[in-house]
C-alpha cells in the first residue's frame, strides 16, 4: 500500500526548499544548521518562542501527548503560520528513534497536525538510523554524519566549560562573549572545510578549554546543581521554561551531561538488541564501527580538559554505564532509560549532588527511570538531593521555580555547614602543625617528648 505522506525529493532540494529545524540545544544546533547548509540543504533553525507555540501545539495535537511533541509540533506550526515562509516551498525535519518511546511517533503526529491545519503539502523529513523512512532528497551520508558528530563534540565542550566558568567570572558577560566568538570561528572553519579532521578537532578542543580557563574567575565555590531528564525538556529553554536562565539568578553553578552520552546510549542500545535478540550481522558491524568512532571523539573531548584541573571534565560513557550496574537493568532503554538514572549518579559522583530531574507530562519512561529511582539512588549515594519537576503546558512557571528554590535552600544550608566543617578542620590541622613545631599547645607529656 503506497504511503500517503509527501516525500522530500531531489527536485525539492534542488529548488531550494527551506527546511525548518526544531531547536533544542542552541549552540549545538546552530552548528548543525550550518552543516546542513554546507551539504546543500537550505536549513533554518527555528527560534520562535512564546505562548503562540504552546497554543498551536494544543490546537493540533491531543493534550494527552508528550509535552516535547506538543512543543516541537507547535513550534513548526507557529512558524508555518507566521507568514515568513512560502508554505509551498518549505519542508520540516525531525529525528525518529525507532524505539519503543513515543518519540518514534512524533513524525506521524506532525503529519496529522499538518493535514488538520490544511498544510498536508508540506513534506516531513525523517532523520533516523533504523531504516524507518527514506527521502530521495535527503541522505545521511558519511561526511554529513561526521560533521554532525563534530558539531555535537564542540557543543558539549563549550557547554561543559562555559557552565563552570559563567558563575565565577569577574567580568560579567565575558563567558557569553567567548561562546559567540567560538560560534563564529567554528562556522568560518566549517565554511572552509576545516575543523573536522581529528588533528584539527583536537587543536580546537584544547584551545576552547584553554580560552575558558583563561577567563578571570573568583575562587569561591557555589552550590552545584545537576540537570537531568527527558532529552528535549532537559536542554530546551522552550521545554523547561528557561530553567538555565533561572538557575543563573540563584547563586549556583549548574551542570548538564553532554549530548554525546545520549548518542552513545542510542548506538549501544542497537548493539545490545542484536546481542539479546539476534539481528543482521552487517548492522552489528556498522553499529560497532560507529561506536568506536564516537568513542574516539569522546576520548578526544575528555583529553582536552586534562591540562585544566579547575574544570570537572565530561565523564566517559563506559564509566557512566558502569555506575548503574546492580541498580537498574540495561534492558530499560525506552526514552532515556537507564541513562537517566546513570546520569544522576554521574553528577553526584562529580560533586553535583543537588539534582533537578525534568519530567515532561506524558513521558512514562522518564517517570520510572527518574522519579521512580530516587529512593534507590539515596541508598546508593547518601546525601544526593533530587527534586523532580513536572513540565506540563498547564503547570505554572512560578510553581516550578518555587519547588527548585526549596531544593536550593536545603542545598545552600548543607553547603554552608560543609564549609564551616572544612574551616574547623583546617584550623585544627594548623594548630597541630604549630604544636609539633613549638610544643606550645601540647600536653605536659608531649612537651617532655618534644624536649
Protein backbone atom coordinates (compact mmCIF):
# COMPACT_ATOMS: atom_id res chain seq x y z
CA UNK A 1 0.00 0.00 0.00
CA UNK A 2 1.60 3.31 -1.05
CA UNK A 3 2.34 5.90 1.63
CA UNK A 4 0.10 8.97 1.74
CA UNK A 5 2.75 11.37 3.02
CA UNK A 6 4.56 13.81 0.77
CA UNK A 7 8.17 12.80 0.16
CA UNK A 8 11.01 15.31 0.19
CA UNK A 9 12.51 14.78 -3.27
CA UNK A 10 15.75 15.66 -5.07
CA UNK A 11 13.79 18.20 -7.08
CA UNK A 12 12.68 19.93 -3.89
CA UNK A 13 16.25 20.06 -2.65
CA UNK A 14 17.47 21.49 -5.96
CA UNK A 15 14.62 24.00 -5.93
CA UNK A 16 15.95 25.38 -2.64
CA UNK A 17 13.12 24.32 -0.35
CA UNK A 18 13.55 25.88 3.11
CA UNK A 19 14.00 23.11 5.71
CA UNK A 20 12.83 24.16 9.18
CA UNK A 21 14.84 22.65 12.05
CA UNK A 22 13.33 22.50 15.58
CA UNK A 23 15.51 23.97 18.32
CA UNK A 24 16.73 22.09 21.38
CA UNK A 25 20.40 22.92 22.07
CA UNK A 26 21.01 26.39 20.69
CA UNK A 27 24.79 26.20 20.27
CA UNK A 28 24.92 22.58 19.04
CA UNK A 29 22.01 23.08 16.66
CA UNK A 30 23.31 26.36 15.27
CA UNK A 31 26.39 24.44 14.10
CA UNK A 32 24.25 21.61 12.70
CA UNK A 33 22.19 24.21 10.79
CA UNK A 34 25.40 25.37 9.09
CA UNK A 35 26.47 21.77 8.45
CA UNK A 36 23.19 21.12 6.63
CA UNK A 37 23.75 24.26 4.55
CA UNK A 38 27.27 23.08 3.67
CA UNK A 39 25.74 19.84 2.41
CA UNK A 40 23.31 21.61 0.09
CA UNK A 41 20.22 21.93 2.30
CA UNK A 42 18.58 25.32 2.84
CA UNK A 43 18.19 24.77 6.60
CA UNK A 44 16.78 27.35 9.05
CA UNK A 45 16.96 26.83 12.83
CA UNK A 46 13.69 27.88 14.47
CA UNK A 47 13.90 30.37 17.34
CA UNK A 48 10.24 31.23 17.82
CA UNK A 49 9.12 31.06 21.47
CA UNK A 50 6.15 32.29 23.44
CA UNK A 51 2.54 31.34 24.11
CA UNK A 52 1.79 31.07 20.38
CA UNK A 53 3.94 27.93 20.15
CA UNK A 54 2.04 26.26 23.00
CA UNK A 55 -1.32 27.36 21.58
CA UNK A 56 -0.51 25.85 18.17
CA UNK A 57 0.61 22.58 19.77
CA UNK A 58 -2.57 22.27 21.85
CA UNK A 59 -4.72 23.19 18.86
CA UNK A 60 -3.42 20.50 16.55
CA UNK A 61 -2.17 17.74 18.91
CA UNK A 62 -4.13 15.86 21.57
CA UNK A 63 -3.26 17.21 25.02
CA UNK A 64 -2.54 13.70 26.33
CA UNK A 65 0.54 13.58 24.11
CA UNK A 66 4.07 14.08 25.47
CA UNK A 67 4.92 17.72 26.13
CA UNK A 68 8.00 17.61 23.82
CA UNK A 69 5.74 16.56 20.93
CA UNK A 70 3.29 19.39 21.68
CA UNK A 71 6.10 21.94 21.73
CA UNK A 72 8.07 20.69 18.71
CA UNK A 73 4.93 20.42 16.57
CA UNK A 74 3.67 23.72 17.97
CA UNK A 75 6.95 25.42 17.03
CA UNK A 76 6.69 24.08 13.48
CA UNK A 77 3.08 25.20 13.00
CA UNK A 78 3.69 28.57 14.62
CA UNK A 79 6.50 29.13 12.12
CA UNK A 80 4.40 27.99 9.15
CA UNK A 81 1.55 30.30 10.18
CA UNK A 82 3.90 33.26 10.75
CA UNK A 83 3.96 34.23 7.06
CA UNK A 84 7.79 34.16 6.97
CA UNK A 85 7.93 31.07 4.76
CA UNK A 86 6.40 30.03 1.45
CA UNK A 87 4.25 27.11 2.58
CA UNK A 88 4.52 25.60 -0.91
CA UNK A 89 8.31 25.66 -0.79
CA UNK A 90 9.09 24.58 2.76
CA UNK A 91 9.87 21.25 4.45
CA UNK A 92 10.22 20.12 8.05
CA UNK A 93 12.90 17.84 9.52
CA UNK A 94 12.64 15.75 12.68
CA UNK A 95 14.58 12.85 14.22
CA UNK A 96 12.92 9.47 14.65
CA UNK A 97 14.47 6.99 17.07
CA UNK A 98 12.65 3.86 16.00
CA UNK A 99 12.46 2.59 19.59
CA UNK A 100 9.51 1.99 21.89
CA UNK A 101 9.41 5.61 23.05
CA UNK A 102 6.53 7.65 21.66
CA UNK A 103 9.15 9.93 20.11
CA UNK A 104 9.14 7.41 17.24
CA UNK A 105 5.57 8.53 16.52
CA UNK A 106 6.14 12.29 16.56
CA UNK A 107 6.52 12.29 12.79
CA UNK A 108 3.05 10.78 12.34
CA UNK A 109 1.55 13.21 14.84
CA UNK A 110 3.21 16.05 12.92
CA UNK A 111 1.79 14.90 9.59
CA UNK A 112 -1.65 14.53 11.16
CA UNK A 113 -1.38 18.07 12.54
CA UNK A 114 -0.29 19.42 9.14
CA UNK A 115 -3.30 17.78 7.49
CA UNK A 116 -5.62 19.21 10.15
CA UNK A 117 -4.11 22.67 9.58
CA UNK A 118 -4.58 22.40 5.80
CA UNK A 119 -0.82 22.10 5.17
CA UNK A 120 -0.60 18.48 4.04
CA UNK A 121 1.53 19.56 1.05
CA UNK A 122 4.47 20.27 3.42
CA UNK A 123 6.94 17.32 3.33
CA UNK A 124 8.42 15.98 6.58
CA UNK A 125 11.94 14.51 6.56
CA UNK A 126 12.58 11.68 8.99
CA UNK A 127 16.19 11.52 10.24
CA UNK A 128 16.75 8.01 11.54
CA UNK A 129 19.26 5.17 11.52
CA UNK A 130 16.62 2.43 11.72
CA UNK A 131 15.55 2.38 8.08
CA UNK A 132 12.06 3.60 9.01
CA UNK A 133 11.71 6.06 6.15
CA UNK A 134 13.79 7.31 3.29
CA UNK A 135 13.58 10.52 1.30
CA UNK A 136 15.27 10.76 -2.09
CA UNK A 137 16.12 14.40 -1.40
CA UNK A 138 17.84 13.81 1.96
CA UNK A 139 20.66 11.36 2.60
CA UNK A 140 22.59 10.62 5.79
CA UNK A 141 25.98 10.40 4.11
CA UNK A 142 29.20 9.60 5.96
CA UNK A 143 30.56 13.18 5.52
CA UNK A 144 27.30 14.60 6.91
CA UNK A 145 27.34 12.22 9.92
CA UNK A 146 30.98 13.13 10.55
CA UNK A 147 30.20 16.84 10.53
CA UNK A 148 27.16 16.42 12.79
CA UNK A 149 29.22 14.40 15.29
CA UNK A 150 31.89 17.14 15.25
CA UNK A 151 29.21 19.74 15.99
CA UNK A 152 27.99 17.71 18.96
CA UNK A 153 31.54 17.32 20.30
CA UNK A 154 32.27 21.06 20.02
CA UNK A 155 28.89 21.87 21.55
CA UNK A 156 29.46 19.57 24.52
CA UNK A 157 32.92 21.04 25.08
CA UNK A 158 31.66 24.63 25.12
CA UNK A 159 28.62 23.75 27.24
CA UNK A 160 30.75 21.96 29.85
CA UNK A 161 33.44 24.67 30.07
CA UNK A 162 31.08 27.67 29.96
CA UNK A 163 28.73 26.32 32.66
CA UNK A 164 31.71 26.04 35.02
CA UNK A 165 33.02 29.49 34.09
CA UNK A 166 29.99 31.80 33.94
CA UNK A 167 29.03 31.67 37.67
CA UNK A 168 32.52 32.78 38.71
CA UNK A 169 33.55 35.27 36.03
CA UNK A 170 34.74 38.59 37.42
CA UNK A 171 33.90 40.46 34.24
CA UNK A 172 30.21 39.76 33.64
CA UNK A 173 29.35 38.73 30.08
CA UNK A 174 32.86 37.53 29.24
CA UNK A 175 31.80 33.86 29.05
CA UNK A 176 28.87 34.55 26.71
CA UNK A 177 31.10 36.74 24.52
CA UNK A 178 33.58 33.87 24.22
CA UNK A 179 30.79 31.45 23.28
CA UNK A 180 29.69 33.82 20.48
CA UNK A 181 33.29 34.18 19.26
CA UNK A 182 33.80 30.42 19.08
CA UNK A 183 30.48 30.02 17.30
CA UNK A 184 31.67 32.39 14.57
CA UNK A 185 35.13 30.80 14.48
CA UNK A 186 33.85 27.23 14.08
CA UNK A 187 31.31 28.22 11.43
CA UNK A 188 34.07 30.01 9.49
CA UNK A 189 36.21 26.87 9.72
CA UNK A 190 33.35 24.68 8.50
CA UNK A 191 32.80 27.00 5.54
CA UNK A 192 36.45 26.49 4.58
CA UNK A 193 36.20 22.73 5.08
CA UNK A 194 38.33 22.84 8.23
CA UNK A 195 37.80 21.90 11.87
CA UNK A 196 36.69 18.34 11.08
CA UNK A 197 39.85 16.22 10.96
CA UNK A 198 41.00 14.56 14.18
CA UNK A 199 44.06 16.79 14.37
CA UNK A 200 42.06 19.98 13.82
CA UNK A 201 39.38 18.92 16.29
CA UNK A 202 41.94 18.10 18.98
CA UNK A 203 43.56 21.52 18.47
CA UNK A 204 40.21 23.33 18.55
CA UNK A 205 39.03 21.50 21.67
CA UNK A 206 42.27 22.29 23.50
CA UNK A 207 42.01 25.94 22.51
CA UNK A 208 38.36 26.14 23.56
CA UNK A 209 39.02 24.80 27.07
CA UNK A 210 42.16 26.94 27.44
CA UNK A 211 40.22 30.06 26.41
CA UNK A 212 37.52 29.45 29.02
CA UNK A 213 40.12 28.63 31.68
CA UNK A 214 41.85 31.93 30.90
CA UNK A 215 38.76 33.90 31.95
CA UNK A 216 39.46 35.51 35.32
CA UNK A 217 37.25 33.94 37.97
CA UNK A 218 36.58 34.17 41.69
CA UNK A 219 37.83 31.38 43.97
CA UNK A 220 34.54 30.82 45.80
CA UNK A 221 32.61 27.59 45.33
CA UNK A 222 28.91 28.00 44.69
CA UNK A 223 26.21 25.39 45.28
CA UNK A 224 26.44 22.84 42.50
CA UNK A 225 23.28 21.69 40.70
CA UNK A 226 22.90 18.97 38.07
CA UNK A 227 20.14 18.83 35.44
CA UNK A 228 18.82 15.56 34.03
CA UNK A 229 15.60 14.36 32.43
CA UNK A 230 13.94 13.72 29.09
CA UNK A 231 16.32 14.97 26.40
CA UNK A 232 14.16 17.77 24.97
CA UNK A 233 12.93 19.21 28.27
CA UNK A 234 16.40 18.87 29.80
CA UNK A 235 18.09 21.01 27.15
CA UNK A 236 15.40 23.19 25.56
CA UNK A 237 14.57 26.54 27.16
CA UNK A 238 11.19 26.29 25.43
CA UNK A 239 10.56 22.94 27.13
CA UNK A 240 11.81 23.80 30.62
CA UNK A 241 10.55 27.40 30.95
CA UNK A 242 14.02 28.91 30.81
CA UNK A 243 15.46 26.69 33.58
CA UNK A 244 19.10 27.62 32.92
CA UNK A 245 18.33 31.34 32.91
CA UNK A 246 16.53 30.92 36.24
CA UNK A 247 19.41 28.99 37.84
CA UNK A 248 21.81 31.78 36.84
CA UNK A 249 19.88 34.07 39.20
CA UNK A 250 20.09 31.65 42.15
CA UNK A 251 23.79 31.89 43.07
CA UNK A 252 24.66 28.38 41.93
CA UNK A 253 26.70 26.52 39.33
CA UNK A 254 24.83 24.02 37.16
CA UNK A 255 25.96 21.09 35.03
CA UNK A 256 24.23 19.24 32.20
CA UNK A 257 25.58 15.90 30.94
CA UNK A 258 26.60 16.19 27.29
CA UNK A 259 24.52 15.02 24.36
CA UNK A 260 27.39 12.74 23.25
CA UNK A 261 26.41 10.39 26.07
CA UNK A 262 22.89 10.15 24.68
CA UNK A 263 24.24 9.46 21.17
CA UNK A 264 26.44 6.65 22.52
CA UNK A 265 23.48 5.34 24.53
CA UNK A 266 21.40 5.03 21.36
CA UNK A 267 24.18 3.22 19.48
CA UNK A 268 24.81 0.96 22.47
CA UNK A 269 21.10 0.05 22.52
CA UNK A 270 21.28 -1.21 18.94
CA UNK A 271 24.26 -3.40 19.82
CA UNK A 272 22.55 -4.72 22.98
CA UNK A 273 19.41 -5.56 20.97
CA UNK A 274 21.39 -7.67 18.49
CA UNK A 275 23.24 -9.44 21.32
CA UNK A 276 19.99 -10.21 23.15
CA UNK A 277 17.60 -10.94 20.30
CA UNK A 278 19.75 -11.52 17.22
CA UNK A 279 19.80 -9.47 14.06
CA UNK A 280 21.69 -8.55 10.94
CA UNK A 281 25.45 -9.21 11.43
CA UNK A 282 26.23 -6.39 8.99
CA UNK A 283 24.18 -3.96 11.10
CA UNK A 284 26.13 -5.10 14.17
CA UNK A 285 29.45 -4.38 12.43
CA UNK A 286 28.24 -0.92 11.34
CA UNK A 287 27.00 -0.10 14.87
CA UNK A 288 30.28 -1.25 16.44
CA UNK A 289 32.28 0.82 13.95
CA UNK A 290 30.12 3.87 14.68
CA UNK A 291 30.51 3.24 18.43
CA UNK A 292 34.31 3.15 18.10
CA UNK A 293 34.30 6.36 16.09
CA UNK A 294 32.06 8.28 18.51
CA UNK A 295 34.02 6.95 21.49
CA UNK A 296 37.24 8.22 19.90
CA UNK A 297 35.60 11.67 19.68
CA UNK A 298 34.56 11.38 23.33
CA UNK A 299 38.12 10.42 24.33
CA UNK A 300 39.44 13.48 22.50
CA UNK A 301 36.91 15.70 24.28
CA UNK A 302 37.83 14.40 27.74
CA UNK A 303 41.56 14.72 26.98
CA UNK A 304 41.14 18.43 26.18
CA UNK A 305 40.17 19.06 29.83
CA UNK A 306 43.13 17.13 31.31
CA UNK A 307 45.57 20.13 31.46
CA UNK A 308 42.92 22.19 33.28
CA UNK A 309 42.25 20.73 36.76
CA UNK A 310 39.99 23.66 37.68
CA UNK A 311 37.32 22.09 35.43
CA UNK A 312 35.30 18.92 36.04
CA UNK A 313 35.74 17.03 32.73
CA UNK A 314 32.96 15.13 30.95
CA UNK A 315 32.59 11.52 32.11
CA UNK A 316 33.20 8.66 29.68
CA UNK A 317 30.12 6.73 28.55
CA UNK A 318 31.69 3.44 29.69
CA UNK A 319 32.10 4.74 33.25
CA UNK A 320 28.59 6.25 33.30
CA UNK A 321 27.17 2.90 32.20
CA UNK A 322 29.10 1.05 34.92
CA UNK A 323 27.56 3.24 37.65
CA UNK A 324 24.11 1.64 37.32
CA UNK A 325 25.26 -1.98 37.36
CA UNK A 326 23.07 -3.61 40.01
CA UNK A 327 20.88 -0.50 40.24
CA UNK A 328 18.81 -0.70 37.05
CA UNK A 329 18.88 -3.13 34.14
CA UNK A 330 20.40 -2.25 30.76
CA UNK A 331 17.21 -3.55 29.15
CA UNK A 332 15.45 -0.41 30.44
CA UNK A 333 16.11 1.70 27.38
CA UNK A 334 12.89 3.41 26.33
CA UNK A 335 13.34 7.18 26.13
CA UNK A 336 16.44 7.92 28.23
CA UNK A 337 16.10 4.57 30.04
CA UNK A 338 18.94 3.54 32.34
CA UNK A 339 21.00 6.51 31.11
CA UNK A 340 18.77 8.90 33.11
CA UNK A 341 19.50 7.00 36.33
CA UNK A 342 23.19 6.76 35.42
CA UNK A 343 23.48 10.50 34.78
CA UNK A 344 22.16 11.26 38.26
CA UNK A 345 24.87 9.04 39.78
CA UNK A 346 27.46 10.55 37.43
CA UNK A 347 26.56 14.08 38.54
CA UNK A 348 26.58 13.13 42.22
CA UNK A 349 29.99 11.47 41.83
CA UNK A 350 31.34 14.68 40.27
CA UNK A 351 30.11 16.84 43.16
CA UNK A 352 26.73 17.89 41.71
CA UNK A 353 24.60 16.15 44.34
CA UNK A 354 21.69 18.60 44.05
CA UNK A 355 19.79 17.39 41.01
CA UNK A 356 16.77 18.69 39.11
CA UNK A 357 15.01 15.86 37.26
CA UNK A 358 12.97 17.48 34.48
CA UNK A 359 9.86 15.41 33.80
CA UNK A 360 7.62 16.21 30.85
CA UNK A 361 3.97 15.31 31.14
CA UNK A 362 3.20 12.11 29.29
CA UNK A 363 6.71 10.61 29.48
CA UNK A 364 6.29 7.27 31.26
CA UNK A 365 9.95 6.10 30.92
CA UNK A 366 11.15 9.40 32.44
CA UNK A 367 8.91 8.98 35.49
CA UNK A 368 10.08 5.39 36.03
CA UNK A 369 13.83 5.86 35.45
CA UNK A 370 13.87 9.34 37.00
CA UNK A 371 11.43 9.93 39.84
CA UNK A 372 10.91 6.19 40.32
CA UNK A 373 14.61 5.65 41.08
CA UNK A 374 15.05 8.39 43.70
CA UNK A 375 14.67 6.11 46.73
CA UNK A 376 17.20 3.62 45.34
CA UNK A 377 19.65 6.39 44.48
CA UNK A 378 19.54 7.77 48.02
CA UNK A 379 20.60 4.30 49.19
CA UNK A 380 23.43 4.06 46.65
CA UNK A 381 24.61 7.65 47.18
CA UNK A 382 23.57 9.03 50.60
CA UNK A 383 23.40 12.82 50.51
CA UNK A 384 22.01 13.04 46.97
CA UNK A 385 19.30 15.74 46.84
CA UNK A 386 16.88 15.22 43.93
CA UNK A 387 13.79 17.24 43.07
CA UNK A 388 11.55 16.04 40.20
CA UNK A 389 9.92 18.95 38.35
CA UNK A 390 6.90 18.31 36.12
CA UNK A 391 6.81 20.32 32.90
CA UNK A 392 3.28 20.45 31.58
CA UNK A 393 1.69 23.18 29.48
CA UNK A 394 -0.86 23.69 32.27
CA UNK A 395 1.80 23.89 35.02
CA UNK A 396 2.83 27.36 36.17
CA UNK A 397 6.41 28.58 35.96
CA UNK A 398 6.09 30.10 39.46
CA UNK A 399 5.23 26.72 40.98
CA UNK A 400 8.15 25.03 39.21
CA UNK A 401 10.64 27.69 40.32
CA UNK A 402 9.36 27.65 43.92
CA UNK A 403 9.96 23.90 44.16
CA UNK A 404 13.50 24.42 42.85
CA UNK A 405 14.03 27.21 45.39
CA UNK A 406 13.08 24.81 48.20
CA UNK A 407 15.63 22.27 46.94
CA UNK A 408 18.27 25.00 46.68
CA UNK A 409 17.52 26.21 50.23
CA UNK A 410 18.39 22.74 51.52
CA UNK A 411 21.46 22.64 49.25
CA UNK A 412 22.72 26.06 50.38
CA UNK A 413 22.29 25.02 54.03
CA UNK A 414 24.23 21.78 53.52
CA UNK A 415 27.00 23.67 51.70
CA UNK A 416 27.24 26.25 54.49
CA UNK A 417 27.63 23.51 57.11
CA UNK A 418 30.20 21.73 54.95
CA UNK A 419 32.24 24.91 54.53
CA UNK A 420 32.11 25.50 58.29
CA UNK A 421 33.30 21.95 58.92
CA UNK A 422 36.14 22.34 56.42
CA UNK A 423 37.17 25.58 58.13
CA UNK A 424 37.27 23.89 61.55
CA UNK A 425 39.32 21.00 60.17
CA UNK A 426 41.75 23.45 58.56
CA UNK A 427 42.09 25.34 61.86
CA UNK A 428 42.72 22.07 63.75
CA UNK A 429 45.38 21.00 61.26
CA UNK A 430 47.05 24.40 61.56
CA UNK A 431 47.04 24.13 65.37
CA UNK A 432 48.55 20.65 65.25
CA UNK A 433 51.37 21.83 62.98
CA UNK A 434 52.15 24.71 65.35
CA UNK A 435 52.09 22.33 68.29
CA UNK A 436 54.52 19.92 66.68
CA UNK A 437 56.82 22.80 65.88
CA UNK A 438 56.98 24.51 69.29
CA UNK A 439 55.03 22.44 71.80
CA UNK A 440 53.03 25.47 72.93
CA UNK A 441 49.69 23.64 72.95
CA UNK A 442 50.94 20.14 73.78
CA UNK A 443 50.21 18.24 76.98
CA UNK A 444 52.97 18.03 79.60
CA UNK A 445 53.85 14.51 78.46
CA UNK A 446 54.07 15.60 74.81
CA UNK A 447 56.20 18.62 75.80
CA UNK A 448 58.73 16.31 77.52
CA UNK A 449 58.87 14.18 74.35
CA UNK A 450 59.44 17.25 72.21
CA UNK A 451 62.12 18.48 74.63
